[in-house]
Amino acid sequence: MAKNNLAIVAVVLTVSSLCSLAYCADGEKTDIFVEGKVYCDPCRVQFPTRVSEPIDGATVGLECRSRENGTIMYSLEGKTDKNGIYSLPVDEDFAELICEVTTVSSPRDDCNDKFADFEKARVLITTKNGVASMARYANPLGFMKKEAIPECKEIIKELFPDEEDMPEEFKEIIEQ
């Protein structure tokens, strides 16, 4: 009887060990998701405002490259949902790589100019940083309309009541 129990325990341990090995094939498996939002910037200010709109079906790309020579080690593309939200599954730990999300394309003809300054959002993809959540959030990314809409004048004045503090490119929007 004792030999049968020992055999059963040995089989259970062997099977559970084999199951755990199946999940660590090449590297450390994770269940990390890189999440963020893509929006249409109707004011051409390159940050979200109260008139910004989510873009459904925008394509974003995630690239992770070597810190030493810039070689791309991992890349993935995904699309946004009706709320402009994307969620990119990553099944490896990339603590040693520089990872960035970029805008690739917008399905909207009226809002497809890429941002000049903030085209990328850097994100740390690792489980070794003490964060309990498996979601890694990237800063919002967007596309701009060809020309600012009329409501933007009021929004910019609200953001910069003192015109001396207003950046020059925003003054151009007010003067249109």
N, C-alpha and C. Protein backbone atom coordinates (compact mmCIF):
# COMPACT_ATOMS: atom_id res chain seq x y z
N MET A 1 0.83 -1.20 0.00
CA MET A 1 0.00 0.00 0.00
C MET A 1 0.87 1.26 0.00
N ALA A 2 1.93 1.25 0.81
CA ALA A 2 2.81 2.40 0.89
C ALA A 2 3.52 2.62 -0.43
N LYS A 3 3.85 1.51 -1.14
CA LYS A 3 4.52 1.64 -2.43
C LYS A 3 3.57 2.27 -3.46
N ASN A 4 2.29 1.93 -3.40
CA ASN A 4 1.31 2.53 -4.32
C ASN A 4 1.18 4.03 -4.08
N ASN A 5 1.12 4.44 -2.81
CA ASN A 5 1.03 5.87 -2.48
C ASN A 5 2.27 6.61 -2.95
N LEU A 6 3.43 6.00 -2.76
CA LEU A 6 4.68 6.61 -3.20
C LEU A 6 4.71 6.74 -4.72
N ALA A 7 4.22 5.75 -5.42
CA ALA A 7 4.16 5.79 -6.88
C ALA A 7 3.22 6.90 -7.36
N ILE A 8 2.08 7.02 -6.69
CA ILE A 8 1.11 8.07 -7.06
C ILE A 8 1.72 9.45 -6.85
N VAL A 9 2.38 9.65 -5.73
CA VAL A 9 3.03 10.94 -5.44
C VAL A 9 4.11 11.21 -6.48
N ALA A 10 4.88 10.21 -6.85
CA ALA A 10 5.94 10.39 -7.85
C ALA A 10 5.36 10.78 -9.20
N VAL A 11 4.26 10.15 -9.60
CA VAL A 11 3.62 10.48 -10.88
C VAL A 11 3.07 11.90 -10.86
N VAL A 12 2.42 12.29 -9.77
CA VAL A 12 1.86 13.64 -9.66
C VAL A 12 2.97 14.68 -9.74
N LEU A 13 4.06 14.47 -9.03
CA LEU A 13 5.18 15.42 -9.06
C LEU A 13 5.81 15.50 -10.44
N THR A 14 5.94 14.38 -11.11
CA THR A 14 6.51 14.36 -12.46
C THR A 14 5.63 15.13 -13.44
N VAL A 15 4.34 14.86 -13.41
CA VAL A 15 3.42 15.54 -14.32
C VAL A 15 3.40 17.04 -14.05
N SER A 16 3.35 17.45 -12.78
CA SER A 16 3.32 18.89 -12.48
C SER A 16 4.62 19.56 -12.88
N SER A 17 5.75 18.87 -12.75
CA SER A 17 7.02 19.43 -13.19
C SER A 17 7.05 19.61 -14.69
N LEU A 18 6.56 18.62 -15.43
CA LEU A 18 6.52 18.72 -16.88
C LEU A 18 5.60 19.84 -17.34
N CYS A 19 4.48 20.02 -16.64
CA CYS A 19 3.55 21.10 -16.99
C CYS A 19 4.21 22.46 -16.78
N SER A 20 4.94 22.62 -15.72
CA SER A 20 5.58 23.91 -15.47
C SER A 20 6.69 24.17 -16.47
N LEU A 21 7.38 23.14 -16.93
CA LEU A 21 8.41 23.32 -17.95
C LEU A 21 7.82 23.75 -19.29
N ALA A 22 6.62 23.33 -19.57
CA ALA A 22 5.98 23.70 -20.84
C ALA A 22 5.76 25.20 -20.95
N TYR A 23 5.67 25.89 -19.84
CA TYR A 23 5.42 27.33 -19.86
C TYR A 23 6.69 28.16 -19.90
N CYS A 24 7.86 27.57 -19.85
CA CYS A 24 9.09 28.36 -19.86
C CYS A 24 9.99 27.93 -21.01
N ALA A 25 9.44 27.85 -22.18
CA ALA A 25 10.15 27.35 -23.35
C ALA A 25 11.43 28.12 -23.64
N ASP A 26 11.34 29.36 -24.10
CA ASP A 26 12.52 30.12 -24.48
C ASP A 26 12.96 31.11 -23.43
N GLY A 27 12.05 31.71 -22.78
CA GLY A 27 12.39 32.74 -21.83
C GLY A 27 11.36 32.78 -20.75
N GLU A 28 11.41 33.84 -20.01
CA GLU A 28 10.49 33.98 -18.90
C GLU A 28 9.13 34.39 -19.43
N LYS A 29 8.12 33.60 -19.20
CA LYS A 29 6.76 33.91 -19.67
C LYS A 29 6.11 34.90 -18.71
N THR A 30 5.39 35.82 -19.28
CA THR A 30 4.63 36.78 -18.49
C THR A 30 3.24 36.88 -19.09
N ASP A 31 2.39 37.58 -18.42
CA ASP A 31 1.07 37.88 -18.96
C ASP A 31 0.88 39.39 -18.96
N ILE A 32 1.90 40.10 -19.38
CA ILE A 32 1.86 41.56 -19.39
C ILE A 32 1.07 42.05 -20.60
N PHE A 33 0.31 43.12 -20.40
CA PHE A 33 -0.39 43.78 -21.48
C PHE A 33 0.05 45.24 -21.49
N VAL A 34 0.45 45.73 -22.66
CA VAL A 34 0.75 47.15 -22.81
C VAL A 34 -0.54 47.80 -23.28
N GLU A 35 -1.01 48.78 -22.50
CA GLU A 35 -2.28 49.42 -22.82
C GLU A 35 -2.12 50.92 -22.95
N GLY A 36 -2.97 51.51 -23.74
CA GLY A 36 -2.94 52.96 -23.93
C GLY A 36 -4.12 53.41 -24.77
N LYS A 37 -4.10 54.69 -25.09
CA LYS A 37 -5.21 55.30 -25.82
C LYS A 37 -4.66 56.10 -26.99
N VAL A 38 -5.42 56.08 -28.09
CA VAL A 38 -5.11 56.90 -29.26
C VAL A 38 -6.31 57.81 -29.50
N TYR A 39 -6.02 59.10 -29.68
CA TYR A 39 -7.10 60.08 -29.83
C TYR A 39 -6.84 61.00 -31.01
N CYS A 40 -7.92 61.65 -31.44
CA CYS A 40 -7.84 62.69 -32.46
C CYS A 40 -7.72 64.03 -31.75
N ASP A 41 -6.70 64.79 -32.13
CA ASP A 41 -6.45 66.10 -31.55
C ASP A 41 -6.96 67.17 -32.51
N PRO A 42 -8.19 67.66 -32.30
CA PRO A 42 -8.74 68.65 -33.22
C PRO A 42 -8.16 70.05 -33.03
N CYS A 43 -7.36 70.24 -31.98
CA CYS A 43 -6.77 71.56 -31.72
C CYS A 43 -5.30 71.66 -32.15
N ARG A 44 -4.71 70.55 -32.55
CA ARG A 44 -3.31 70.51 -32.98
C ARG A 44 -2.35 70.97 -31.88
N VAL A 45 -2.67 70.65 -30.63
CA VAL A 45 -1.81 71.03 -29.50
C VAL A 45 -0.96 69.86 -29.00
N GLN A 46 -1.21 68.67 -29.50
CA GLN A 46 -0.46 67.45 -29.19
C GLN A 46 -0.59 66.99 -27.74
N PHE A 47 -1.75 67.26 -27.16
CA PHE A 47 -2.13 66.68 -25.87
C PHE A 47 -3.66 66.66 -25.83
N PRO A 48 -4.23 65.75 -25.03
CA PRO A 48 -5.69 65.65 -25.00
C PRO A 48 -6.35 66.89 -24.41
N THR A 49 -7.46 67.29 -25.00
CA THR A 49 -8.28 68.39 -24.48
C THR A 49 -9.72 67.88 -24.39
N ARG A 50 -10.61 68.74 -23.93
CA ARG A 50 -12.00 68.30 -23.77
C ARG A 50 -12.71 68.03 -25.09
N VAL A 51 -12.14 68.45 -26.21
CA VAL A 51 -12.76 68.17 -27.51
C VAL A 51 -12.05 67.03 -28.26
N SER A 52 -11.04 66.42 -27.64
CA SER A 52 -10.36 65.28 -28.25
C SER A 52 -11.34 64.11 -28.35
N GLU A 53 -11.14 63.30 -29.37
CA GLU A 53 -12.03 62.17 -29.62
C GLU A 53 -11.21 60.89 -29.76
N PRO A 54 -11.70 59.76 -29.22
CA PRO A 54 -10.98 58.50 -29.41
C PRO A 54 -11.02 58.09 -30.88
N ILE A 55 -9.99 57.38 -31.31
CA ILE A 55 -9.95 56.89 -32.69
C ILE A 55 -10.13 55.38 -32.69
N ASP A 56 -11.21 54.93 -33.30
CA ASP A 56 -11.50 53.51 -33.44
C ASP A 56 -10.73 52.97 -34.64
N GLY A 57 -9.99 51.88 -34.45
CA GLY A 57 -9.30 51.24 -35.57
C GLY A 57 -7.93 51.81 -35.89
N ALA A 58 -7.39 52.68 -35.03
CA ALA A 58 -6.02 53.17 -35.25
C ALA A 58 -5.04 52.03 -35.02
N THR A 59 -3.97 52.01 -35.79
CA THR A 59 -2.95 50.99 -35.63
C THR A 59 -1.78 51.56 -34.83
N VAL A 60 -1.36 50.81 -33.82
CA VAL A 60 -0.19 51.18 -33.02
C VAL A 60 0.82 50.05 -33.12
N GLY A 61 2.08 50.40 -32.92
CA GLY A 61 3.13 49.40 -32.95
C GLY A 61 3.95 49.45 -31.68
N LEU A 62 4.36 48.30 -31.22
CA LEU A 62 5.25 48.18 -30.06
C LEU A 62 6.57 47.64 -30.58
N GLU A 63 7.66 48.35 -30.27
CA GLU A 63 8.99 47.88 -30.64
C GLU A 63 9.87 47.90 -29.41
N CYS A 64 10.63 46.83 -29.23
CA CYS A 64 11.61 46.74 -28.15
C CYS A 64 12.97 46.55 -28.81
N ARG A 65 13.91 47.40 -28.43
CA ARG A 65 15.23 47.34 -29.07
C ARG A 65 16.34 47.26 -28.03
N SER A 66 17.47 46.80 -28.49
CA SER A 66 18.65 46.65 -27.64
C SER A 66 19.13 48.02 -27.17
N ARG A 67 19.51 48.09 -25.90
CA ARG A 67 20.07 49.34 -25.37
C ARG A 67 21.46 49.61 -25.96
N GLU A 68 22.16 48.56 -26.35
CA GLU A 68 23.54 48.71 -26.81
C GLU A 68 23.66 49.18 -28.25
N ASN A 69 22.90 48.55 -29.15
CA ASN A 69 23.08 48.90 -30.56
C ASN A 69 21.80 49.28 -31.29
N GLY A 70 20.67 49.29 -30.59
CA GLY A 70 19.42 49.73 -31.19
C GLY A 70 18.72 48.69 -32.06
N THR A 71 19.24 47.48 -32.10
CA THR A 71 18.63 46.42 -32.90
C THR A 71 17.25 46.08 -32.36
N ILE A 72 16.27 46.01 -33.25
CA ILE A 72 14.91 45.66 -32.84
C ILE A 72 14.88 44.17 -32.51
N MET A 73 14.49 43.88 -31.28
CA MET A 73 14.46 42.51 -30.78
C MET A 73 13.04 41.94 -30.75
N TYR A 74 12.04 42.84 -30.75
CA TYR A 74 10.64 42.39 -30.65
C TYR A 74 9.76 43.48 -31.23
N SER A 75 8.76 43.09 -32.00
CA SER A 75 7.79 44.08 -32.51
C SER A 75 6.42 43.43 -32.62
N LEU A 76 5.42 44.26 -32.48
CA LEU A 76 4.03 43.80 -32.48
C LEU A 76 3.15 44.98 -32.85
N GLU A 77 2.09 44.73 -33.60
CA GLU A 77 1.11 45.77 -33.92
C GLU A 77 -0.25 45.37 -33.40
N GLY A 78 -1.08 46.38 -33.13
CA GLY A 78 -2.44 46.15 -32.69
C GLY A 78 -3.32 47.31 -33.09
N LYS A 79 -4.61 47.16 -32.86
CA LYS A 79 -5.59 48.21 -33.22
C LYS A 79 -6.37 48.64 -31.99
N THR A 80 -6.89 49.85 -32.07
CA THR A 80 -7.69 50.39 -30.98
C THR A 80 -9.15 49.97 -31.15
N ASP A 81 -9.87 50.00 -30.01
CA ASP A 81 -11.31 49.71 -30.05
C ASP A 81 -12.08 51.01 -30.21
N LYS A 82 -13.40 50.96 -30.08
CA LYS A 82 -14.24 52.15 -30.29
C LYS A 82 -13.94 53.27 -29.30
N ASN A 83 -13.30 52.94 -28.18
CA ASN A 83 -12.92 53.96 -27.18
C ASN A 83 -11.49 54.45 -27.37
N GLY A 84 -10.85 54.02 -28.46
CA GLY A 84 -9.48 54.43 -28.73
C GLY A 84 -8.45 53.68 -27.90
N ILE A 85 -8.86 52.60 -27.23
CA ILE A 85 -7.99 51.85 -26.33
C ILE A 85 -7.39 50.65 -27.07
N TYR A 86 -6.09 50.45 -26.86
CA TYR A 86 -5.45 49.25 -27.38
C TYR A 86 -4.89 48.45 -26.21
N SER A 87 -4.72 47.16 -26.42
CA SER A 87 -4.14 46.27 -25.43
C SER A 87 -3.28 45.26 -26.17
N LEU A 88 -1.97 45.35 -25.99
CA LEU A 88 -1.03 44.49 -26.70
C LEU A 88 -0.47 43.45 -25.75
N PRO A 89 -0.73 42.16 -25.99
CA PRO A 89 -0.21 41.12 -25.11
C PRO A 89 1.28 40.89 -25.35
N VAL A 90 2.03 40.80 -24.27
CA VAL A 90 3.47 40.55 -24.35
C VAL A 90 3.76 39.36 -23.45
N ASP A 91 4.34 38.32 -24.01
CA ASP A 91 4.55 37.12 -23.20
C ASP A 91 6.00 36.90 -22.79
N GLU A 92 6.81 37.96 -22.87
CA GLU A 92 8.19 37.87 -22.41
C GLU A 92 8.51 39.07 -21.54
N ASP A 93 9.54 38.93 -20.73
CA ASP A 93 10.03 40.02 -19.89
C ASP A 93 11.14 40.73 -20.67
N PHE A 94 10.96 42.03 -20.90
CA PHE A 94 11.93 42.81 -21.67
C PHE A 94 12.60 43.88 -20.81
N ALA A 95 12.99 43.53 -19.60
CA ALA A 95 13.59 44.48 -18.67
C ALA A 95 14.86 45.10 -19.24
N GLU A 96 15.58 44.38 -20.06
CA GLU A 96 16.86 44.86 -20.59
C GLU A 96 16.74 45.59 -21.92
N LEU A 97 15.51 45.75 -22.42
CA LEU A 97 15.31 46.40 -23.71
C LEU A 97 14.58 47.73 -23.54
N ILE A 98 14.71 48.60 -24.52
CA ILE A 98 13.96 49.86 -24.56
C ILE A 98 12.72 49.59 -25.41
N CYS A 99 11.54 49.72 -24.80
CA CYS A 99 10.29 49.44 -25.51
C CYS A 99 9.48 50.72 -25.66
N GLU A 100 8.94 50.93 -26.86
CA GLU A 100 8.14 52.12 -27.14
C GLU A 100 6.94 51.76 -28.01
N VAL A 101 5.84 52.43 -27.72
CA VAL A 101 4.64 52.31 -28.54
C VAL A 101 4.62 53.53 -29.47
N THR A 102 4.29 53.30 -30.72
CA THR A 102 4.20 54.40 -31.69
C THR A 102 2.88 54.32 -32.44
N THR A 103 2.46 55.45 -32.96
CA THR A 103 1.30 55.45 -33.85
C THR A 103 1.77 55.00 -35.23
N VAL A 104 0.97 54.16 -35.87
CA VAL A 104 1.32 53.67 -37.20
C VAL A 104 0.41 54.32 -38.23
N SER A 105 -0.92 54.19 -38.02
CA SER A 105 -1.85 54.77 -38.98
C SER A 105 -3.20 55.04 -38.33
N SER A 106 -3.89 56.03 -38.90
CA SER A 106 -5.24 56.38 -38.47
C SER A 106 -6.20 56.06 -39.61
N PRO A 107 -7.35 55.47 -39.29
CA PRO A 107 -8.32 55.20 -40.35
C PRO A 107 -9.12 56.44 -40.74
N ARG A 108 -8.95 57.52 -40.01
CA ARG A 108 -9.73 58.73 -40.26
C ARG A 108 -9.00 59.67 -41.22
N ASP A 109 -9.61 59.95 -42.34
CA ASP A 109 -9.02 60.87 -43.31
C ASP A 109 -8.94 62.29 -42.76
N ASP A 110 -9.88 62.64 -41.88
CA ASP A 110 -9.91 64.00 -41.33
C ASP A 110 -8.96 64.17 -40.13
N CYS A 111 -8.33 63.08 -39.70
CA CYS A 111 -7.46 63.16 -38.52
C CYS A 111 -6.36 62.11 -38.64
N ASN A 112 -5.35 62.43 -39.48
CA ASN A 112 -4.28 61.47 -39.66
C ASN A 112 -2.88 62.09 -39.72
N ASP A 113 -2.75 63.36 -39.31
CA ASP A 113 -1.42 63.98 -39.21
C ASP A 113 -0.75 63.46 -37.94
N LYS A 114 0.47 62.96 -38.07
CA LYS A 114 1.19 62.46 -36.90
C LYS A 114 1.73 63.62 -36.06
N PHE A 115 1.85 63.37 -34.78
CA PHE A 115 2.44 64.36 -33.88
C PHE A 115 3.91 64.57 -34.25
N ALA A 116 4.37 65.78 -34.12
CA ALA A 116 5.76 66.09 -34.42
C ALA A 116 6.67 65.72 -33.24
N ASP A 117 6.22 65.99 -32.03
CA ASP A 117 7.09 65.87 -30.87
C ASP A 117 6.88 64.60 -30.05
N PHE A 118 5.66 64.15 -29.91
CA PHE A 118 5.35 63.06 -28.99
C PHE A 118 4.78 61.86 -29.74
N GLU A 119 5.56 61.38 -30.68
CA GLU A 119 5.10 60.29 -31.53
C GLU A 119 5.26 58.93 -30.85
N LYS A 120 6.05 58.87 -29.76
CA LYS A 120 6.32 57.60 -29.10
C LYS A 120 6.01 57.69 -27.62
N ALA A 121 5.65 56.55 -27.04
CA ALA A 121 5.44 56.46 -25.59
C ALA A 121 6.28 55.29 -25.08
N ARG A 122 7.25 55.58 -24.25
CA ARG A 122 8.13 54.54 -23.70
C ARG A 122 7.42 53.81 -22.58
N VAL A 123 7.63 52.50 -22.51
CA VAL A 123 6.99 51.69 -21.49
C VAL A 123 7.96 50.60 -21.02
N LEU A 124 8.00 50.37 -19.72
CA LEU A 124 8.86 49.35 -19.13
C LEU A 124 8.09 48.03 -19.07
N ILE A 125 8.61 47.02 -19.75
CA ILE A 125 7.92 45.73 -19.81
C ILE A 125 8.72 44.71 -19.01
N THR A 126 8.38 44.64 -17.74
CA THR A 126 9.03 43.67 -16.85
C THR A 126 8.12 43.37 -15.67
N THR A 127 8.35 42.24 -15.06
CA THR A 127 7.65 41.89 -13.83
C THR A 127 8.56 42.10 -12.63
N LYS A 128 9.76 42.60 -12.87
CA LYS A 128 10.76 42.75 -11.82
C LYS A 128 10.82 44.17 -11.25
N ASN A 129 9.72 44.89 -11.32
CA ASN A 129 9.72 46.28 -10.85
C ASN A 129 8.80 46.50 -9.66
N GLY A 130 8.25 45.43 -9.11
CA GLY A 130 7.41 45.56 -7.92
C GLY A 130 5.97 45.96 -8.18
N VAL A 131 5.57 46.09 -9.45
CA VAL A 131 4.20 46.46 -9.79
C VAL A 131 3.36 45.19 -9.82
N ALA A 132 2.30 45.18 -9.03
CA ALA A 132 1.45 43.98 -8.94
C ALA A 132 0.62 43.77 -10.20
N SER A 133 0.14 44.83 -10.80
CA SER A 133 -0.69 44.72 -12.00
C SER A 133 0.14 44.23 -13.18
N MET A 134 -0.47 43.48 -14.06
CA MET A 134 0.22 43.00 -15.25
C MET A 134 0.02 43.96 -16.43
N ALA A 135 -0.71 45.04 -16.22
CA ALA A 135 -0.90 46.05 -17.26
C ALA A 135 0.21 47.10 -17.14
N ARG A 136 0.76 47.47 -18.27
CA ARG A 136 1.74 48.54 -18.35
C ARG A 136 1.12 49.61 -19.22
N TYR A 137 0.98 50.80 -18.67
CA TYR A 137 0.25 51.86 -19.36
C TYR A 137 1.20 52.83 -20.06
N ALA A 138 0.93 53.06 -21.32
CA ALA A 138 1.70 54.01 -22.11
C ALA A 138 0.95 55.34 -22.13
N ASN A 139 1.68 56.43 -22.28
CA ASN A 139 1.06 57.75 -22.39
C ASN A 139 0.16 57.78 -23.64
N PRO A 140 -0.87 58.64 -23.61
CA PRO A 140 -1.76 58.74 -24.78
C PRO A 140 -1.00 59.18 -26.02
N LEU A 141 -1.39 58.65 -27.14
CA LEU A 141 -0.82 59.01 -28.43
C LEU A 141 -1.95 59.52 -29.32
N GLY A 142 -1.62 60.27 -30.34
CA GLY A 142 -2.70 60.78 -31.15
C GLY A 142 -2.31 61.16 -32.56
N PHE A 143 -3.32 61.58 -33.27
CA PHE A 143 -3.19 62.13 -34.60
C PHE A 143 -3.91 63.48 -34.58
N MET A 144 -3.49 64.39 -35.45
CA MET A 144 -4.09 65.73 -35.47
C MET A 144 -4.93 65.93 -36.72
N LYS A 145 -5.92 66.80 -36.58
CA LYS A 145 -6.69 67.24 -37.75
C LYS A 145 -5.79 68.17 -38.56
N LYS A 146 -6.15 68.36 -39.81
CA LYS A 146 -5.35 69.22 -40.70
C LYS A 146 -5.35 70.67 -40.22
N GLU A 147 -6.50 71.11 -39.71
CA GLU A 147 -6.63 72.48 -39.19
C GLU A 147 -7.39 72.43 -37.88
N ALA A 148 -7.06 73.33 -36.98
CA ALA A 148 -7.74 73.38 -35.67
C ALA A 148 -9.19 73.81 -35.86
N ILE A 149 -10.08 73.21 -35.07
CA ILE A 149 -11.50 73.58 -35.13
C ILE A 149 -11.72 74.88 -34.35
N PRO A 150 -12.79 75.61 -34.60
CA PRO A 150 -13.02 76.91 -33.96
C PRO A 150 -13.05 76.87 -32.42
N GLU A 151 -13.55 75.80 -31.81
CA GLU A 151 -13.63 75.71 -30.35
C GLU A 151 -12.26 75.74 -29.67
N CYS A 152 -11.22 75.50 -30.43
CA CYS A 152 -9.87 75.43 -29.86
C CYS A 152 -9.39 76.78 -29.35
N LYS A 153 -9.85 77.85 -29.96
CA LYS A 153 -9.44 79.18 -29.51
C LYS A 153 -9.81 79.37 -28.04
N GLU A 154 -11.04 79.01 -27.70
CA GLU A 154 -11.52 79.13 -26.32
C GLU A 154 -10.74 78.21 -25.38
N ILE A 155 -10.49 76.99 -25.83
CA ILE A 155 -9.77 76.01 -25.00
C ILE A 155 -8.35 76.49 -24.71
N ILE A 156 -7.68 77.00 -25.70
CA ILE A 156 -6.30 77.47 -25.51
C ILE A 156 -6.28 78.68 -24.58
N LYS A 157 -7.26 79.56 -24.71
CA LYS A 157 -7.32 80.72 -23.80
C LYS A 157 -7.58 80.28 -22.37
N GLU A 158 -8.36 79.20 -22.18
CA GLU A 158 -8.59 78.67 -20.84
C GLU A 158 -7.31 78.09 -20.26
N LEU A 159 -6.54 77.41 -21.10
CA LEU A 159 -5.30 76.79 -20.65
C LEU A 159 -4.20 77.80 -20.37
N PHE A 160 -4.18 78.87 -21.14
CA PHE A 160 -3.16 79.91 -21.00
C PHE A 160 -3.84 81.28 -20.89
N PRO A 161 -4.38 81.60 -19.70
CA PRO A 161 -5.07 82.89 -19.54
C PRO A 161 -4.14 84.08 -19.77
N ASP A 162 -2.88 83.90 -19.38
CA ASP A 162 -1.89 84.96 -19.61
C ASP A 162 -1.21 84.67 -20.94
N GLU A 163 -1.48 85.49 -21.93
CA GLU A 163 -0.99 85.25 -23.27
C GLU A 163 0.54 85.22 -23.34
N GLU A 164 1.20 85.83 -22.38
CA GLU A 164 2.67 85.82 -22.37
C GLU A 164 3.21 84.40 -22.14
N ASP A 165 2.47 83.57 -21.44
CA ASP A 165 2.90 82.20 -21.15
C ASP A 165 2.55 81.23 -22.27
N MET A 166 1.80 81.71 -23.25
CA MET A 166 1.31 80.84 -24.32
C MET A 166 2.42 80.56 -25.34
N PRO A 167 2.64 79.29 -25.69
CA PRO A 167 3.61 78.96 -26.75
C PRO A 167 3.20 79.60 -28.08
N GLU A 168 4.18 79.94 -28.88
CA GLU A 168 3.94 80.62 -30.15
C GLU A 168 3.00 79.85 -31.08
N GLU A 169 3.16 78.53 -31.14
CA GLU A 169 2.31 77.75 -32.06
C GLU A 169 0.84 77.79 -31.65
N PHE A 170 0.56 78.01 -30.36
CA PHE A 170 -0.82 78.12 -29.90
C PHE A 170 -1.37 79.51 -30.23
N LYS A 171 -0.52 80.50 -30.23
CA LYS A 171 -0.95 81.86 -30.63
C LYS A 171 -1.41 81.85 -32.07
N GLU A 172 -0.76 81.06 -32.90
CA GLU A 172 -1.16 80.96 -34.31
C GLU A 172 -2.55 80.38 -34.45
N ILE A 173 -2.91 79.44 -33.59
CA ILE A 173 -4.25 78.84 -33.63
C ILE A 173 -5.30 79.87 -33.26
N ILE A 174 -5.01 80.69 -32.26
CA ILE A 174 -5.96 81.73 -31.82
C ILE A 174 -6.15 82.78 -32.90
N GLU A 175 -5.10 83.08 -33.64
CA GLU A 175 -5.17 84.12 -34.67
C GLU A 175 -5.87 83.66 -35.95
N GLN A 176 -6.09 82.36 -36.09
CA GLN A 176 -6.73 81.86 -37.31
C GLN A 176 -8.16 82.29 -37.42
